[in-house]
C-alpha atoms as a PDB file:
ATOM      1  CA  UNK A   1      17.482  15.609 -28.824  1.00  0.00           C
ATOM      2  CA  UNK A   2      16.792  13.129 -26.032  1.00  0.00           C
ATOM      3  CA  UNK A   3      14.690  10.905 -28.298  1.00  0.00           C
ATOM      4  CA  UNK A   4      17.388  10.942 -31.060  1.00  0.00           C
ATOM      5  CA  UNK A   5      19.952   9.880 -28.477  1.00  0.00           C
ATOM      6  CA  UNK A   6      17.780   6.955 -27.428  1.00  0.00           C
ATOM      7  CA  UNK A   7      17.423   5.857 -31.048  1.00  0.00           C
ATOM      8  CA  UNK A   8      21.192   5.877 -31.692  1.00  0.00           C
ATOM      9  CA  UNK A   9      21.824   4.043 -28.430  1.00  0.00           C
ATOM     10  CA  UNK A  10      19.343   1.451 -29.674  1.00  0.00           C
ATOM     11  CA  UNK A  11      21.328   1.029 -32.936  1.00  0.00           C
ATOM     12  CA  UNK A  12      24.579   0.591 -31.008  1.00  0.00           C
ATOM     13  CA  UNK A  13      22.893  -1.932 -28.716  1.00  0.00           C
ATOM     14  CA  UNK A  14      21.657  -3.808 -31.812  1.00  0.00           C
ATOM     15  CA  UNK A  15      25.167  -4.318 -33.268  1.00  0.00           C
ATOM     16  CA  UNK A  16      26.651  -5.131 -29.883  1.00  0.00           C
ATOM     17  CA  UNK A  17      24.088  -7.878 -29.210  1.00  0.00           C
ATOM     18  CA  UNK A  18      24.514  -9.212 -32.781  1.00  0.00           C
ATOM     19  CA  UNK A  19      28.294  -9.410 -32.273  1.00  0.00           C
ATOM     20  CA  UNK A  20      27.907 -11.060 -28.874  1.00  0.00           C
ATOM     21  CA  UNK A  21      25.282 -13.555 -30.096  1.00  0.00           C
ATOM     22  CA  UNK A  22      27.480 -14.654 -32.999  1.00  0.00           C
ATOM     23  CA  UNK A  23      30.354 -15.527 -30.709  1.00  0.00           C
ATOM     24  CA  UNK A  24      31.574 -12.171 -29.502  1.00  0.00           C
ATOM     25  CA  UNK A  25      34.721 -12.387 -27.413  1.00  0.00           C
ATOM     26  CA  UNK A  26      34.730 -16.203 -27.614  1.00  0.00           C
ATOM     27  CA  UNK A  27      35.383 -16.237 -31.373  1.00  0.00           C
ATOM     28  CA  UNK A  28      38.973 -17.163 -32.165  1.00  0.00           C
ATOM     29  CA  UNK A  29      39.364 -14.102 -34.356  1.00  0.00           C
ATOM     30  CA  UNK A  30      38.774 -11.937 -31.302  1.00  0.00           C
ATOM     31  CA  UNK A  31      42.005 -13.043 -29.619  1.00  0.00           C
ATOM     32  CA  UNK A  32      44.065 -14.538 -32.478  1.00  0.00           C
ATOM     33  CA  UNK A  33      47.091 -12.703 -33.729  1.00  0.00           C
ATOM     34  CA  UNK A  34      47.576 -11.624 -37.370  1.00  0.00           C
ATOM     35  CA  UNK A  35      47.216 -14.568 -39.731  1.00  0.00           C
ATOM     36  CA  UNK A  36      48.673 -13.986 -43.189  1.00  0.00           C
ATOM     37  CA  UNK A  37      48.695 -16.495 -46.049  1.00  0.00           C
ATOM     38  CA  UNK A  38      51.561 -15.820 -48.493  1.00  0.00           C
ATOM     39  CA  UNK A  39      51.209 -15.887 -52.266  1.00  0.00           C
ATOM     40  CA  UNK A  40      51.709 -19.442 -53.498  1.00  0.00           C
ATOM     41  CA  UNK A  41      52.325 -21.259 -56.727  1.00  0.00           C
ATOM     42  CA  UNK A  42      49.519 -23.149 -58.395  1.00  0.00           C
ATOM     43  CA  UNK A  43      48.753 -26.501 -56.711  1.00  0.00           C
ATOM     44  CA  UNK A  44      51.061 -25.611 -53.839  1.00  0.00           C
ATOM     45  CA  UNK A  45      49.648 -25.470 -50.332  1.00  0.00           C
ATOM     46  CA  UNK A  46      51.226 -22.992 -47.965  1.00  0.00           C
ATOM     47  CA  UNK A  47      50.584 -22.439 -44.268  1.00  0.00           C
ATOM     48  CA  UNK A  48      49.835 -18.940 -43.108  1.00  0.00           C
ATOM     49  CA  UNK A  49      51.846 -17.013 -40.543  1.00  0.00           C
ATOM     50  CA  UNK A  50      50.331 -16.254 -37.216  1.00  0.00           C
ATOM     51  CA  UNK A  51      47.882 -18.120 -34.930  1.00  0.00           C
ATOM     52  CA  UNK A  52      46.781 -21.644 -35.705  1.00  0.00           C
ATOM     53  CA  UNK A  53      43.151 -21.425 -34.422  1.00  0.00           C
ATOM     54  CA  UNK A  54      40.463 -23.431 -36.141  1.00  0.00           C
ATOM     55  CA  UNK A  55      38.031 -21.561 -38.459  1.00  0.00           C
ATOM     56  CA  UNK A  56      34.809 -20.531 -36.697  1.00  0.00           C
ATOM     57  CA  UNK A  57      31.469 -21.996 -37.684  1.00  0.00           C
ATOM     58  CA  UNK A  58      27.968 -21.607 -36.276  1.00  0.00           C
ATOM     59  CA  UNK A  59      26.305 -24.801 -35.139  1.00  0.00           C
ATOM     60  CA  UNK A  60      22.571 -25.450 -35.353  1.00  0.00           C
ATOM     61  CA  UNK A  61      22.011 -24.531 -31.699  1.00  0.00           C
ATOM     62  CA  UNK A  62      24.130 -21.374 -32.120  1.00  0.00           C
ATOM     63  CA  UNK A  63      22.097 -20.393 -35.174  1.00  0.00           C
ATOM     64  CA  UNK A  64      18.841 -20.710 -33.199  1.00  0.00           C
ATOM     65  CA  UNK A  65      20.329 -18.620 -30.432  1.00  0.00           C
ATOM     66  CA  UNK A  66      21.335 -15.922 -32.934  1.00  0.00           C
ATOM     67  CA  UNK A  67      17.825 -15.715 -34.374  1.00  0.00           C
ATOM     68  CA  UNK A  68      16.319 -15.577 -30.890  1.00  0.00           C
ATOM     69  CA  UNK A  69      18.676 -12.726 -30.081  1.00  0.00           C
ATOM     70  CA  UNK A  70      17.747 -10.932 -33.292  1.00  0.00           C
ATOM     71  CA  UNK A  71      14.051 -11.224 -32.472  1.00  0.00           C
ATOM     72  CA  UNK A  72      14.715  -9.819 -28.999  1.00  0.00           C
ATOM     73  CA  UNK A  73      16.706  -6.985 -30.529  1.00  0.00           C
ATOM     74  CA  UNK A  74      13.871  -6.196 -32.928  1.00  0.00           C
ATOM     75  CA  UNK A  75      11.405  -6.120 -30.034  1.00  0.00           C
ATOM     76  CA  UNK A  76      13.738  -3.888 -28.009  1.00  0.00           C
ATOM     77  CA  UNK A  77      14.168  -1.478 -30.918  1.00  0.00           C
ATOM     78  CA  UNK A  78      10.388  -1.296 -31.400  1.00  0.00           C
ATOM     79  CA  UNK A  79      10.055  -0.469 -27.704  1.00  0.00           C
ATOM     80  CA  UNK A  80      12.719   2.234 -28.025  1.00  0.00           C
ATOM     81  CA  UNK A  81      10.893   3.717 -31.009  1.00  0.00           C
ATOM     82  CA  UNK A  82       7.620   3.782 -29.037  1.00  0.00           C
ATOM     83  CA  UNK A  83       9.384   5.408 -26.086  1.00  0.00           C
ATOM     84  CA  UNK A  84      10.954   7.942 -28.420  1.00  0.00           C
ATOM     85  CA  UNK A  85       7.550   8.751 -29.946  1.00  0.00           C
ATOM     86  CA  UNK A  86       5.980   9.181 -26.504  1.00  0.00           C
ATOM     87  CA  UNK A  87       8.832  11.443 -25.410  1.00  0.00           C
ATOM     88  CA  UNK A  88       8.242  13.678 -28.431  1.00  0.00           C
ATOM     89  CA  UNK A  89       4.480  13.747 -27.690  1.00  0.00           C
ATOM     90  CA  UNK A  90       5.088  14.438 -23.987  1.00  0.00           C
ATOM     91  CA  UNK A  91       7.082  17.576 -24.683  1.00  0.00           C
ATOM     92  CA  UNK A  92       8.917  19.551 -22.019  1.00  0.00           C
ATOM     93  CA  UNK A  93       8.295  18.074 -18.586  1.00  0.00           C
ATOM     94  CA  UNK A  94       6.890  20.230 -15.787  1.00  0.00           C
ATOM     95  CA  UNK A  95       8.668  20.448 -12.416  1.00  0.00           C
ATOM     96  CA  UNK A  96       5.326  19.155 -11.050  1.00  0.00           C
ATOM     97  CA  UNK A  97       5.459  15.960 -13.084  1.00  0.00           C
ATOM     98  CA  UNK A  98       4.472  13.075 -10.794  1.00  0.00           C
ATOM     99  CA  UNK A  99       2.356  15.298  -8.552  1.00  0.00           C
ATOM    100  CA  UNK A 100      -0.861  15.022 -10.618  1.00  0.00           C
ATOM    101  CA  UNK A 101      -1.901  12.230 -13.002  1.00  0.00           C
ATOM    102  CA  UNK A 102      -4.524  12.248 -15.751  1.00  0.00           C
ATOM    103  CA  UNK A 103      -6.624   9.277 -16.854  1.00  0.00           C
ATOM    104  CA  UNK A 104      -9.618   8.631 -19.105  1.00  0.00           C
ATOM    105  CA  UNK A 105     -13.173   7.925 -18.150  1.00  0.00           C
ATOM    106  CA  UNK A 106     -15.561   9.472 -20.614  1.00  0.00           C
ATOM    107  CA  UNK A 107     -13.309  10.435 -23.526  1.00  0.00           C
ATOM    108  CA  UNK A 108     -15.435   8.444 -25.978  1.00  0.00           C
ATOM    109  CA  UNK A 109     -18.690  10.288 -25.215  1.00  0.00           C
ATOM    110  CA  UNK A 110     -20.502  12.097 -28.026  1.00  0.00           C
ATOM    111  CA  UNK A 111     -22.063  14.635 -25.658  1.00  0.00           C
ATOM    112  CA  UNK A 112     -19.675  17.242 -24.167  1.00  0.00           C
ATOM    113  CA  UNK A 113     -21.713  17.134 -20.940  1.00  0.00           C
ATOM    114  CA  UNK A 114     -20.777  13.445 -20.614  1.00  0.00           C
ATOM    115  CA  UNK A 115     -17.168  13.711 -21.818  1.00  0.00           C
ATOM    116  CA  UNK A 116     -14.646  13.873 -18.992  1.00  0.00           C
ATOM    117  CA  UNK A 117     -11.180  12.966 -17.766  1.00  0.00           C
ATOM    118  CA  UNK A 118     -10.022  12.419 -14.189  1.00  0.00           C
ATOM    119  CA  UNK A 119      -7.122  14.120 -12.426  1.00  0.00           C
ATOM    120  CA  UNK A 120      -5.618  12.719  -9.233  1.00  0.00           C
ATOM    121  CA  UNK A 121      -3.117  14.311  -6.857  1.00  0.00           C
ATOM    122  CA  UNK A 122      -0.561  11.510  -6.637  1.00  0.00           C
ATOM    123  CA  UNK A 123       2.235  13.390  -4.881  1.00  0.00           C
ATOM    124  CA  UNK A 124       2.885  14.333  -1.277  1.00  0.00           C
ATOM    125  CA  UNK A 125       1.956  18.005  -1.518  1.00  0.00           C
ATOM    126  CA  UNK A 126      -1.121  20.100  -2.318  1.00  0.00           C
ATOM    127  CA  UNK A 127      -1.222  21.430  -5.888  1.00  0.00           C
ATOM    128  CA  UNK A 128      -3.034  24.503  -7.202  1.00  0.00           C
ATOM    129  CA  UNK A 129      -4.302  23.491 -10.669  1.00  0.00           C
ATOM    130  CA  UNK A 130      -6.182  26.729 -11.460  1.00  0.00           C
ATOM    131  CA  UNK A 131      -4.988  28.074 -14.794  1.00  0.00           C
ATOM    132  CA  UNK A 132      -3.585  24.728 -15.962  1.00  0.00           C
ATOM    133  CA  UNK A 133      -4.767  23.461 -19.317  1.00  0.00           C
ATOM    134  CA  UNK A 134      -6.198  20.214 -20.686  1.00  0.00           C
ATOM    135  CA  UNK A 135      -5.219  19.565 -24.315  1.00  0.00           C
ATOM    136  CA  UNK A 136      -6.019  17.094 -27.097  1.00  0.00           C
ATOM    137  CA  UNK A 137      -3.034  15.506 -28.800  1.00  0.00           C
ATOM    138  CA  UNK A 138      -4.989  14.951 -32.027  1.00  0.00           C
ATOM    139  CA  UNK A 139      -6.458  18.429 -32.506  1.00  0.00           C
ATOM    140  CA  UNK A 140      -4.122  20.497 -30.338  1.00  0.00           C
ATOM    141  CA  UNK A 141      -7.156  22.180 -28.803  1.00  0.00           C
ATOM    142  CA  UNK A 142      -6.783  23.096 -25.140  1.00  0.00           C
ATOM    143  CA  UNK A 143      -8.986  24.569 -22.407  1.00  0.00           C
ATOM    144  CA  UNK A 144      -8.105  26.346 -19.171  1.00  0.00           C
ATOM    145  CA  UNK A 145      -9.043  24.934 -15.763  1.00  0.00           C
ATOM    146  CA  UNK A 146     -11.220  27.625 -14.113  1.00  0.00           C
ATOM    147  CA  UNK A 147     -11.773  28.611 -10.496  1.00  0.00           C
ATOM    148  CA  UNK A 148     -14.382  26.760  -8.432  1.00  0.00           C
ATOM    149  CA  UNK A 149     -16.586  26.972  -5.346  1.00  0.00           C
ATOM    150  CA  UNK A 150     -15.189  25.083  -2.353  1.00  0.00           C
ATOM    151  CA  UNK A 151     -18.623  25.289  -0.684  1.00  0.00           C
ATOM    152  CA  UNK A 152     -21.296  25.589  -3.396  1.00  0.00           C
ATOM    153  CA  UNK A 153     -24.797  26.890  -2.620  1.00  0.00           C
ATOM    154  CA  UNK A 154     -27.992  26.124  -4.511  1.00  0.00           C
ATOM    155  CA  UNK A 155     -29.967  28.982  -6.059  1.00  0.00           C
ATOM    156  CA  UNK A 156     -27.391  31.583  -5.037  1.00  0.00           C
ATOM    157  CA  UNK A 157     -24.389  33.328  -6.556  1.00  0.00           C
ATOM    158  CA  UNK A 158     -21.387  31.247  -5.569  1.00  0.00           C
ATOM    159  CA  UNK A 159     -18.060  32.655  -4.442  1.00  0.00           C
ATOM    160  CA  UNK A 160     -15.239  30.991  -6.358  1.00  0.00           C
ATOM    161  CA  UNK A 161     -11.539  30.630  -5.661  1.00  0.00           C
ATOM    162  CA  UNK A 162      -8.458  28.634  -6.587  1.00  0.00           C
ATOM    163  CA  UNK A 163      -8.869  24.893  -7.057  1.00  0.00           C
ATOM    164  CA  UNK A 164      -6.279  23.132  -4.905  1.00  0.00           C
ATOM    165  CA  UNK A 165      -5.913  19.348  -4.834  1.00  0.00           C
ATOM    166  CA  UNK A 166      -4.630  17.894  -1.577  1.00  0.00           C
ATOM    167  CA  UNK A 167      -2.747  14.566  -1.789  1.00  0.00           C
ATOM    168  CA  UNK A 168      -5.253  11.882  -2.787  1.00  0.00           C
ATOM    169  CA  UNK A 169      -7.889  14.338  -4.048  1.00  0.00           C
ATOM    170  CA  UNK A 170      -9.520  13.872  -7.459  1.00  0.00           C
ATOM    171  CA  UNK A 171     -11.003  16.202 -10.035  1.00  0.00           C
ATOM    172  CA  UNK A 172     -13.526  15.108 -12.657  1.00  0.00           C
ATOM    173  CA  UNK A 173     -12.999  17.513 -15.547  1.00  0.00           C
ATOM    174  CA  UNK A 174     -16.107  17.650 -17.757  1.00  0.00           C
ATOM    175  CA  UNK A 175     -15.923  19.242 -21.194  1.00  0.00           C
ATOM    176  CA  UNK A 176     -19.472  20.621 -21.106  1.00  0.00           C
ATOM    177  CA  UNK A 177     -21.471  22.955 -18.882  1.00  0.00           C
ATOM    178  CA  UNK A 178     -22.104  22.705 -15.155  1.00  0.00           C
ATOM    179  CA  UNK A 179     -25.724  21.819 -14.252  1.00  0.00           C
ATOM    180  CA  UNK A 180     -25.574  24.261 -11.334  1.00  0.00           C
ATOM    181  CA  UNK A 181     -23.530  26.919 -13.139  1.00  0.00           C
ATOM    182  CA  UNK A 182     -20.206  26.522 -11.362  1.00  0.00           C
ATOM    183  CA  UNK A 183     -17.262  24.181 -10.816  1.00  0.00           C
ATOM    184  CA  UNK A 184     -17.411  22.931  -7.247  1.00  0.00           C
ATOM    185  CA  UNK A 185     -16.080  20.591  -4.583  1.00  0.00           C
ATOM    186  CA  UNK A 186     -18.299  17.739  -3.442  1.00  0.00           C
ATOM    187  CA  UNK A 187     -19.483  17.364   0.151  1.00  0.00           C
ATOM    188  CA  UNK A 188     -21.795  15.056   2.101  1.00  0.00           C
ATOM    189  CA  UNK A 189     -24.881  17.031   0.977  1.00  0.00           C
ATOM    190  CA  UNK A 190     -24.333  17.217  -2.821  1.00  0.00           C
ATOM    191  CA  UNK A 191     -26.632  14.253  -3.442  1.00  0.00           C
ATOM    192  CA  UNK A 192     -29.552  16.692  -3.033  1.00  0.00           C
ATOM    193  CA  UNK A 193     -28.309  18.548  -6.118  1.00  0.00           C
ATOM    194  CA  UNK A 194     -28.383  15.323  -8.116  1.00  0.00           C
ATOM    195  CA  UNK A 195     -32.126  14.870  -7.571  1.00  0.00           C
ATOM    196  CA  UNK A 196     -32.942  18.214  -9.178  1.00  0.00           C
ATOM    197  CA  UNK A 197     -30.308  18.282 -11.937  1.00  0.00           C
ATOM    198  CA  UNK A 198     -28.505  15.758 -14.121  1.00  0.00           C
ATOM    199  CA  UNK A 199     -24.822  15.293 -13.299  1.00  0.00           C
ATOM    200  CA  UNK A 200     -22.522  12.979 -15.187  1.00  0.00           C
ATOM    201  CA  UNK A 201     -21.014  10.917 -13.701  1.00  0.00           C
ATOM    202  CA  UNK A 202     -23.674  10.741 -11.000  1.00  0.00           C
ATOM    203  CA  UNK A 203     -23.096  12.480  -7.684  1.00  0.00           C
ATOM    204  CA  UNK A 204     -22.704  10.410  -4.533  1.00  0.00           C
ATOM    205  CA  UNK A 205     -25.877  10.027  -2.465  1.00  0.00           C
ATOM    206  CA  UNK A 206     -24.698   9.601   1.112  1.00  0.00           C
ATOM    207  CA  UNK A 207     -26.475  12.579   2.689  1.00  0.00           C
ATOM    208  CA  UNK A 208     -27.583  12.397   6.330  1.00  0.00           C
ATOM    209  CA  UNK A 209     -30.639  10.111   6.489  1.00  0.00           C
ATOM    210  CA  UNK A 210     -34.041  11.808   7.111  1.00  0.00           C
ATOM    211  CA  UNK A 211     -34.763   9.593  10.132  1.00  0.00           C
ATOM    212  CA  UNK A 212     -31.414  10.675  11.667  1.00  0.00           C
ATOM    213  CA  UNK A 213     -32.374  14.312  11.077  1.00  0.00           C
ATOM    214  CA  UNK A 214     -35.716  13.623  12.768  1.00  0.00           C
ATOM    215  CA  UNK A 215     -33.961  12.249  15.858  1.00  0.00           C
ATOM    216  CA  UNK A 216     -31.517  15.141  15.963  1.00  0.00           C
ATOM    217  CA  UNK A 217     -33.535  18.200  14.930  1.00  0.00           C
ATOM    218  CA  UNK A 218     -37.299  17.555  15.275  1.00  0.00           C
ATOM    219  CA  UNK A 219     -38.777  20.240  17.541  1.00  0.00           C
ATOM    220  CA  UNK A 220     -42.214  18.688  18.209  1.00  0.00           C
ATOM    221  CA  UNK A 221     -43.329  15.771  20.339  1.00  0.00           C
ATOM    222  CA  UNK A 222     -41.481  12.847  18.788  1.00  0.00           C
ATOM    223  CA  UNK A 223     -43.631  10.208  20.483  1.00  0.00           C
ATOM    224  CA  UNK A 224     -46.924  11.734  19.344  1.00  0.00           C
ATOM    225  CA  UNK A 225     -46.027  12.647  15.752  1.00  0.00           C
ATOM    226  CA  UNK A 226     -46.220   9.168  14.254  1.00  0.00           C
ATOM    227  CA  UNK A 227     -46.989  10.482  10.752  1.00  0.00           C
ATOM    228  CA  UNK A 228     -43.812  12.555  10.600  1.00  0.00           C
ATOM    229  CA  UNK A 229     -41.786   9.712  12.044  1.00  0.00           C
ATOM    230  CA  UNK A 230     -43.131   7.258   9.449  1.00  0.00           C
ATOM    231  CA  UNK A 231     -42.464   9.758   6.645  1.00  0.00           C
ATOM    232  CA  UNK A 232     -38.829  10.143   7.741  1.00  0.00           C
ATOM    233  CA  UNK A 233     -38.420   6.375   8.002  1.00  0.00           C
ATOM    234  CA  UNK A 234     -39.668   5.816   4.440  1.00  0.00           C
ATOM    235  CA  UNK A 235     -37.864   8.747   2.761  1.00  0.00           C
ATOM    236  CA  UNK A 236     -34.534   8.094   0.919  1.00  0.00           C
ATOM    237  CA  UNK A 237     -31.377  10.059   1.616  1.00  0.00           C
ATOM    238  CA  UNK A 238     -30.623  13.167  -0.475  1.00  0.00           C
ATOM    239  CA  UNK A 239     -34.250  13.675  -1.485  1.00  0.00           C
ATOM    240  CA  UNK A 240     -36.596  16.241   0.103  1.00  0.00           C
ATOM    241  CA  UNK A 241     -39.750  14.448   1.373  1.00  0.00           C
ATOM    242  CA  UNK A 242     -43.190  15.596   0.303  1.00  0.00           C
ATOM    243  CA  UNK A 243     -44.747  17.394   3.261  1.00  0.00           C
ATOM    244  CA  UNK A 244     -48.462  17.092   2.425  1.00  0.00           C
ATOM    245  CA  UNK A 245     -50.686  16.629   5.502  1.00  0.00           C
ATOM    246  CA  UNK A 246     -47.951  16.623   8.143  1.00  0.00           C
ATOM    247  CA  UNK A 247     -47.678  18.714  11.288  1.00  0.00           C
ATOM    248  CA  UNK A 248     -46.165  22.185  11.354  1.00  0.00           C
ATOM    249  CA  UNK A 249     -43.180  20.831  13.294  1.00  0.00           C
ATOM    250  CA  UNK A 250     -42.638  18.261  10.549  1.00  0.00           C
ATOM    251  CA  UNK A 251     -42.902  21.001   7.894  1.00  0.00           C
ATOM    252  CA  UNK A 252     -40.201  22.996   9.695  1.00  0.00           C
ATOM    253  CA  UNK A 253     -37.938  19.973   9.799  1.00  0.00           C
ATOM    254  CA  UNK A 254     -38.314  19.423   6.040  1.00  0.00           C
ATOM    255  CA  UNK A 255     -37.937  23.109   5.118  1.00  0.00           C
ATOM    256  CA  UNK A 256     -34.939  23.810   7.326  1.00  0.00           C
ATOM    257  CA  UNK A 257     -32.945  20.581   7.168  1.00  0.00           C
ATOM    258  CA  UNK A 258     -33.955  18.298   4.313  1.00  0.00           C
ATOM    259  CA  UNK A 259     -32.724  20.129   1.234  1.00  0.00           C
ATOM    260  CA  UNK A 260     -29.248  20.998  -0.011  1.00  0.00           C
ATOM    261  CA  UNK A 261     -28.795  24.423   1.563  1.00  0.00           C
ATOM    262  CA  UNK A 262     -30.300  23.291   4.857  1.00  0.00           C
ATOM    263  CA  UNK A 263     -28.058  20.241   4.941  1.00  0.00           C
ATOM    264  CA  UNK A 264     -24.980  22.403   4.310  1.00  0.00           C
ATOM    265  CA  UNK A 265     -26.013  24.938   6.954  1.00  0.00           C
ATOM    266  CA  UNK A 266     -26.358  22.358   9.720  1.00  0.00           C
ATOM    267  CA  UNK A 267     -23.605  19.877   8.767  1.00  0.00           C
ATOM    268  CA  UNK A 268     -20.767  21.952   7.314  1.00  0.00           C
ATOM    269  CA  UNK A 269     -18.744  21.572  10.526  1.00  0.00           C
ATOM    270  CA  UNK A 270     -19.361  17.849  10.905  1.00  0.00           C
ATOM    271  CA  UNK A 271     -16.425  15.470  10.682  1.00  0.00           C
ATOM    272  CA  UNK A 272     -16.255  14.106   7.135  1.00  0.00           C
ATOM    273  CA  UNK A 273     -18.405  16.870   5.627  1.00  0.00           C
ATOM    274  CA  UNK A 274     -15.888  17.922   2.960  1.00  0.00           C
ATOM    275  CA  UNK A 275     -15.446  15.553   0.034  1.00  0.00           C
ATOM    276  CA  UNK A 276     -12.260  14.588  -1.836  1.00  0.00           C
ATOM    277  CA  UNK A 277     -13.546  15.226  -5.359  1.00  0.00           C
ATOM    278  CA  UNK A 278     -13.872  18.399  -7.429  1.00  0.00           C
ATOM    279  CA  UNK A 279     -16.289  18.743 -10.352  1.00  0.00           C
ATOM    280  CA  UNK A 280     -14.645  21.006 -12.932  1.00  0.00           C
ATOM    281  CA  UNK A 281     -16.497  22.225 -16.036  1.00  0.00           C
ATOM    282  CA  UNK A 282     -14.778  23.618 -19.127  1.00  0.00           C
ATOM    283  CA  UNK A 283     -18.094  25.023 -20.477  1.00  0.00           C
ATOM    284  CA  UNK A 284     -17.511  23.841 -24.060  1.00  0.00           C
ATOM    285  CA  UNK A 285     -20.343  23.022 -26.476  1.00  0.00           C
ATOM    286  CA  UNK A 286     -18.351  20.470 -28.501  1.00  0.00           C
ATOM    287  CA  UNK A 287     -16.316  17.378 -27.570  1.00  0.00           C
ATOM    288  CA  UNK A 288     -12.562  17.787 -27.115  1.00  0.00           C
ATOM    289  CA  UNK A 289     -11.300  14.278 -27.817  1.00  0.00           C
ATOM    290  CA  UNK A 290     -11.695  11.654 -30.499  1.00  0.00           C
ATOM    291  CA  UNK A 291     -13.484   8.423 -29.453  1.00  0.00           C
ATOM    292  CA  UNK A 292     -10.307   6.457 -30.298  1.00  0.00           C
ATOM    293  CA  UNK A 293      -6.600   7.166 -30.792  1.00  0.00           C
ATOM    294  CA  UNK A 294      -6.095  10.457 -29.027  1.00  0.00           C
ATOM    295  CA  UNK A 295      -3.980  11.797 -26.186  1.00  0.00           C
ATOM    296  CA  UNK A 296      -4.989  13.867 -23.170  1.00  0.00           C
ATOM    297  CA  UNK A 297      -2.205  16.204 -22.091  1.00  0.00           C
ATOM    298  CA  UNK A 298      -2.186  18.015 -18.749  1.00  0.00           C
ATOM    299  CA  UNK A 299      -0.196  21.258 -18.899  1.00  0.00           C
ATOM    300  CA  UNK A 300       0.866  23.459 -16.005  1.00  0.00           C
ATOM    301  CA  UNK A 301       0.510  27.258 -15.922  1.00  0.00           C
ATOM    302  CA  UNK A 302       3.770  27.593 -17.918  1.00  0.00           C
ATOM    303  CA  UNK A 303       2.613  25.207 -20.655  1.00  0.00           C
ATOM    304  CA  UNK A 304       4.893  22.362 -19.530  1.00  0.00           C
ATOM    305  CA  UNK A 305       3.586  18.797 -19.408  1.00  0.00           C
ATOM    306  CA  UNK A 306       2.578  17.375 -16.042  1.00  0.00           C
ATOM    307  CA  UNK A 307       1.150  14.126 -17.399  1.00  0.00           C
ATOM    308  CA  UNK A 308       0.030  12.466 -20.644  1.00  0.00           C
ATOM    309  CA  UNK A 309      -2.691   9.860 -21.122  1.00  0.00           C
ATOM    310  CA  UNK A 310      -2.977   8.089 -24.490  1.00  0.00           C
ATOM    311  CA  UNK A 311      -5.624   5.663 -25.711  1.00  0.00           C
END
């Protein structure tokens, strides 16, 4: 109903602008009184009764202005038609519209493990998106957003809970399967997971540096253990160093601190440990969206539209 109303308003606007461009209220006929020409004899000229205004004509400049106005009207009507089409595609708006946005990223991928869209909490309040759905406008297929692990662990059964986006948080929603078997929230240690498994898009790699861990946690004689020190200096972040031929104190450092679970255990209470991005996996074995000309619709738990992204 709303889209039909917009269309009819567009038609009314069209005729109004046409009338105004062709003279509108400035045309003599707009303010002249009744002007009646009586029946006359042949070859006899009679004057009509009423106003004596001059007949209206359109000059060359007026004609150009009219055509410019008509072109603008046509463009405006096309815009109204597009808006009307988008309103029909959007459907019934959710009360949470404006709180979470959806955008593309990997909608053209041919591998479901590399196909993804991005959600962002754009409002001023935290939003629980568990149970919402992501849908394709072309196929109508939709998938439910599952629960996730706020603090994932490697090689263990993870406890999952509701996925809540705080203002400014993001969620990368991947069509395929999770490399570590669960949807999860990123933290400063997740780069370790990326060295053992393939994540798409790649995980951040800003784990605590091995040489910083050496300074903070090494239990041996720091000044005597040059080999361990040199190994920590040359090792990249988020990658467990090879411990061949090092001291037992160096082995303990590597085993207890320089892998994912060890990093989480000793840094989970550090300032800045928790990330702002969730990795959500729909666990589908086929792509959801067409490479071109599709729409990604984000639906709340009641099936109402929170946001729509078209491409």
